Each structure stands twice: as C-alpha cells, then as structure tokens.
Protein backbone atom coordinates (compact mmCIF):
# COMPACT_ATOMS: atom_id res chain seq x y z
CA MET A 1 0.04 -0.28 -0.10
CA VAL A 2 2.73 2.36 1.05
CA PRO A 3 4.49 2.48 -2.99
CA ILE A 4 0.62 3.41 -4.46
CA LEU A 5 0.77 6.07 -1.75
CA ARG A 6 4.47 6.81 -2.40
CA ALA A 7 3.55 6.97 -6.23
CA GLY A 8 0.45 9.22 -5.83
CA HIS A 9 2.93 10.90 -4.90
CA PHE A 10 5.18 11.15 -6.95
CA PHE A 11 2.99 11.90 -9.41
CA GLY A 12 1.37 14.27 -7.62
CA LEU A 13 0.23 18.23 -8.64
CA GLU A 14 3.53 20.19 -8.50
CA ARG A 15 1.77 23.61 -7.59
CA ARG A 16 4.50 24.81 -4.81
CA ALA A 17 5.87 27.02 -7.30
CA LEU A 18 2.75 29.52 -8.27
CA GLN A 19 1.67 29.36 -3.63
CA TYR A 20 4.75 30.47 -3.31
CA PHE A 21 5.52 33.31 -5.73
CA TYR A 22 1.56 33.89 -5.45
CA SER A 23 0.98 33.60 -1.85
CA ASN A 24 3.89 35.57 -1.66
CA ASN A 25 3.10 38.78 -3.83
CA PHE A 26 5.62 38.31 -6.36
CA PHE A 27 2.25 38.57 -8.48
CA GLY A 28 0.82 41.78 -6.31
CA TYR A 29 -2.75 40.60 -6.50
CA ILE A 30 -4.21 38.63 -9.02
CA PRO A 31 -8.86 37.95 -9.22
CA GLN A 32 -9.48 34.43 -8.07
CA PRO A 33 -10.87 33.54 -12.05
CA TRP A 34 -8.31 34.56 -13.92
CA LEU A 35 -5.85 32.92 -10.34
CA SER A 36 -7.49 29.93 -11.20
CA LEU A 37 -7.62 30.02 -14.96
CA ALA A 38 -3.94 29.46 -14.32
CA ALA A 39 -3.18 27.24 -12.48
CA LEU A 40 -5.34 25.14 -15.00
CA LEU A 41 -2.82 26.90 -17.84
CA LEU A 42 -0.34 25.07 -15.06
CA LEU A 43 -1.72 21.88 -14.30
CA ALA A 44 -2.91 20.77 -16.94
CA PRO A 45 -0.39 19.82 -19.03
CA PHE A 46 1.04 17.54 -16.83
CA VAL A 47 -1.88 15.81 -16.78
CA LEU A 48 -3.06 15.03 -19.78
CA LEU A 49 0.16 14.08 -20.39
CA ALA A 50 0.35 11.70 -17.31
CA CYS A 51 -3.35 10.20 -18.55
CA SER A 52 -2.52 10.20 -21.95
CA ALA A 53 0.50 7.63 -21.34
CA ALA A 54 -0.55 5.09 -18.98
CA PRO A 55 -3.12 3.68 -22.80
CA GLY A 56 0.23 4.55 -24.54
CA LEU A 57 2.29 2.11 -22.43
CA ALA A 58 -0.36 -0.42 -22.71
CA LEU A 59 0.10 -0.33 -26.20
CA TRP A 60 3.59 -0.01 -26.59
CA PRO A 61 5.08 -2.88 -29.18
CA TRP A 62 6.98 -5.00 -26.21
CA ASN A 63 9.66 -6.58 -27.73
CA SER A 64 13.43 -6.30 -27.28
CA ALA A 65 14.47 -3.47 -29.61
CA SER A 66 11.34 -1.93 -27.10
CA ALA A 67 11.95 -2.61 -24.31
CA ILE A 68 14.84 0.68 -23.72
CA LEU A 69 11.22 2.99 -22.93
CA PRO A 70 9.82 1.47 -20.42
CA LEU A 71 12.43 0.05 -18.82
CA ALA A 72 14.11 3.38 -18.55
CA VAL A 73 10.65 4.77 -16.40
CA PHE A 74 10.27 1.63 -14.71
CA GLY A 75 14.14 1.83 -13.40
CA TYR A 76 14.17 5.99 -13.29
CA LEU A 77 10.06 5.08 -11.16
CA ALA A 78 11.27 2.10 -8.75
CA PRO A 79 13.74 4.54 -6.29
CA HIS A 80 12.23 7.16 -5.69
CA ILE A 81 9.50 4.74 -4.74
CA LEU A 82 11.05 3.35 -2.88
CA LEU A 83 13.13 5.81 -1.11
CA LEU A 84 11.93 9.13 -1.82
CA ALA A 85 9.01 10.79 -4.00
CA GLU A 86 7.96 13.83 -4.23
CA GLU A 87 6.38 16.11 -7.11
CA ARG A 88 9.04 17.66 -7.76
CA PHE A 89 11.12 14.63 -9.15
CA HIS A 90 7.70 13.47 -12.06
CA TYR A 91 9.64 16.24 -14.28
CA SER A 92 12.93 14.10 -15.46
CA LEU A 93 10.29 11.97 -17.34
CA ILE A 94 8.16 13.93 -19.05
CA PRO A 95 10.25 13.86 -22.26
CA LEU A 96 9.67 9.75 -21.55
CA LEU A 97 5.43 9.53 -20.64
CA ALA A 98 5.66 12.77 -23.62
CA ILE A 99 6.50 9.47 -26.40
CA LEU A 100 3.78 7.00 -24.83
CA ALA A 101 1.14 9.53 -25.15
CA ALA A 102 1.63 9.82 -28.13
CA LEU A 103 1.36 7.05 -29.07
CA SER A 104 -2.44 6.87 -26.65
CA TRP A 105 -2.65 10.24 -29.43
CA GLN A 106 -1.95 8.09 -32.74
CA GLY A 107 -3.59 5.55 -32.02
CA GLY A 108 -6.89 7.27 -30.53
CA SER A 109 -9.64 4.84 -29.38
CA ASN A 110 -9.65 3.27 -32.12
CA ALA A 111 -5.75 1.56 -30.63
CA ILE A 112 -7.01 1.41 -27.74
CA SER A 113 -9.98 -1.49 -28.63
CA GLN A 114 -8.34 -3.26 -31.06
CA ALA A 115 -6.02 -4.20 -28.79
CA TRP A 116 -8.81 -5.43 -26.14
CA ALA A 117 -10.31 -7.41 -28.64
CA ALA A 118 -6.55 -9.26 -29.41
CA SER A 119 -5.89 -10.62 -26.97
CA ARG A 120 -5.93 -11.54 -23.23
CA ALA A 121 -3.24 -9.69 -22.85
CA GLY A 122 -4.96 -7.00 -24.13
CA LYS A 123 -7.67 -6.64 -22.36
CA PHE A 124 -5.70 -7.12 -19.18
CA THR A 125 -2.91 -4.16 -20.35
CA ILE A 126 -6.04 -2.07 -21.34
CA SER A 127 -7.24 -2.93 -18.50
CA LEU A 128 -4.19 -1.81 -16.38
CA ALA A 129 -3.67 1.27 -17.98
CA ALA A 130 -7.64 2.43 -16.46
CA LEU A 131 -6.30 1.63 -13.38
CA ALA A 132 -3.98 3.83 -13.73
CA VAL A 133 -5.26 7.09 -14.72
CA PHE A 134 -8.49 6.03 -12.13
CA LEU A 135 -5.33 5.91 -9.68
CA LEU A 136 -4.09 8.82 -10.51
CA CYS A 137 -6.84 11.27 -10.77
CA LEU A 138 -7.71 9.50 -7.46
CA ALA A 139 -4.06 10.93 -5.61
CA TRP A 140 -4.82 14.48 -7.90
CA GLY A 141 -8.56 14.95 -6.59
CA HIS A 142 -7.33 13.68 -2.29
CA GLU A 143 -4.15 16.16 -3.15
CA LEU A 144 -6.04 18.85 -3.81
CA ILE A 145 -9.12 17.72 -1.10
CA ARG A 146 -6.28 18.05 1.60
CA ASP A 147 -5.45 21.01 0.72
CA TRP A 148 -8.45 22.39 0.27
CA PRO A 149 -7.85 24.67 2.83
CA GLN A 150 -4.68 26.33 2.40
CA LEU A 151 -6.76 26.72 -1.68
CA SER A 152 -8.91 28.31 -0.12
CA GLN A 153 -7.16 31.31 1.47
CA LEU A 154 -4.87 31.21 -1.26
CA LEU A 155 -7.87 32.59 -3.91
CA ALA A 156 -9.58 34.84 -1.06
CA PRO A 157 -9.17 38.28 -1.57
CA GLY A 158 -5.22 38.81 0.24
CA GLY A 159 -4.34 36.35 -0.48
CA ASN A 160 -0.89 37.60 -2.64
CA LYS A 161 -0.41 38.38 1.12
CA THR A 162 -0.52 35.41 3.03
CA ARG A 163 3.43 34.26 3.03
CA PHE A 164 3.21 30.90 2.27
CA PRO A 165 6.25 29.04 2.64
CA TYR A 166 8.10 26.76 -0.01
C-alpha cells in the first residue's frame, strides 16, 4: 500500500512554485477567476500527459528492441517510489511520458479497442492502464481536497499576502 501512496505523491500536482510566488506577493493581486485559470493552464498539461501515457504504455510494442523506453521509465520510477517520492522528481520523466502519450494519441480509441479485442493480454494491459488513470485522478483529487484550506486562503481576497513557505 505504501508504494501506491508514494507513486501518487511522485505524480502529484506541482503547484508549489505558483503558490509560493503568488502568496508572497510576487505577482501582486490577481482576481480569483484569473488565478484559477493560470493554475489550470500550469497544471493541466501534466494531467493530460500522464493520463495519456498510461494507455500509451499499454499500446507500446513490447519486444527486445523497444523495451528500453518502458525499462527507463520503471528504472527511474522504482528508486523514487521506494526511497523518496516528491512531485518535482517527475519532471525528468516528461520526455519519456510524452513518447508514450504520443503513441496513445496517434492510435486513439481505435488502437485501444483493437488492443482490447486482440487478446487476453490486451485486455489485461488496457485494464491496467485504466486503473492507472483512475489512481492518478484519485491521487490528484485527494491532494486537492487535503490542501483545500490552504488553496481557499490562496484564492480568497488577500491571498497574495498569505506568505506560504516554499
């Protein structure tokens, strides 16, 4: 159970920089709708990338010539999950996740349905990808609910002077 929690923390939303700079009045006051839009623009690309990379990994052609990419992802992820999982460490995986996400977007739902229909292994990998996306969304939702008191202070009038630490 602990590795799953650490994986959720590893793939967490990296909002510390925005929170720190805004709460220490670096940008001045930003009205709540614009601040929410800025946060969405900064956080949504990683959410889309991670949710697209999971089906891309299921669609990846598993053979000896192409095994280097998934092995590199798992090889980088494993020590961080076991030792120290922080949101900032997922930045190194973004180029590799982008390759997997591109595979997912290139084939689209047609490739996913073909993989599902092709074999029992296809059903298993697509199911694991769906589970991974569900767990990612669950972790992000938990993170936002857990930090809601701090986020509501930040989004309230005067949130630019709350002085949150980094």
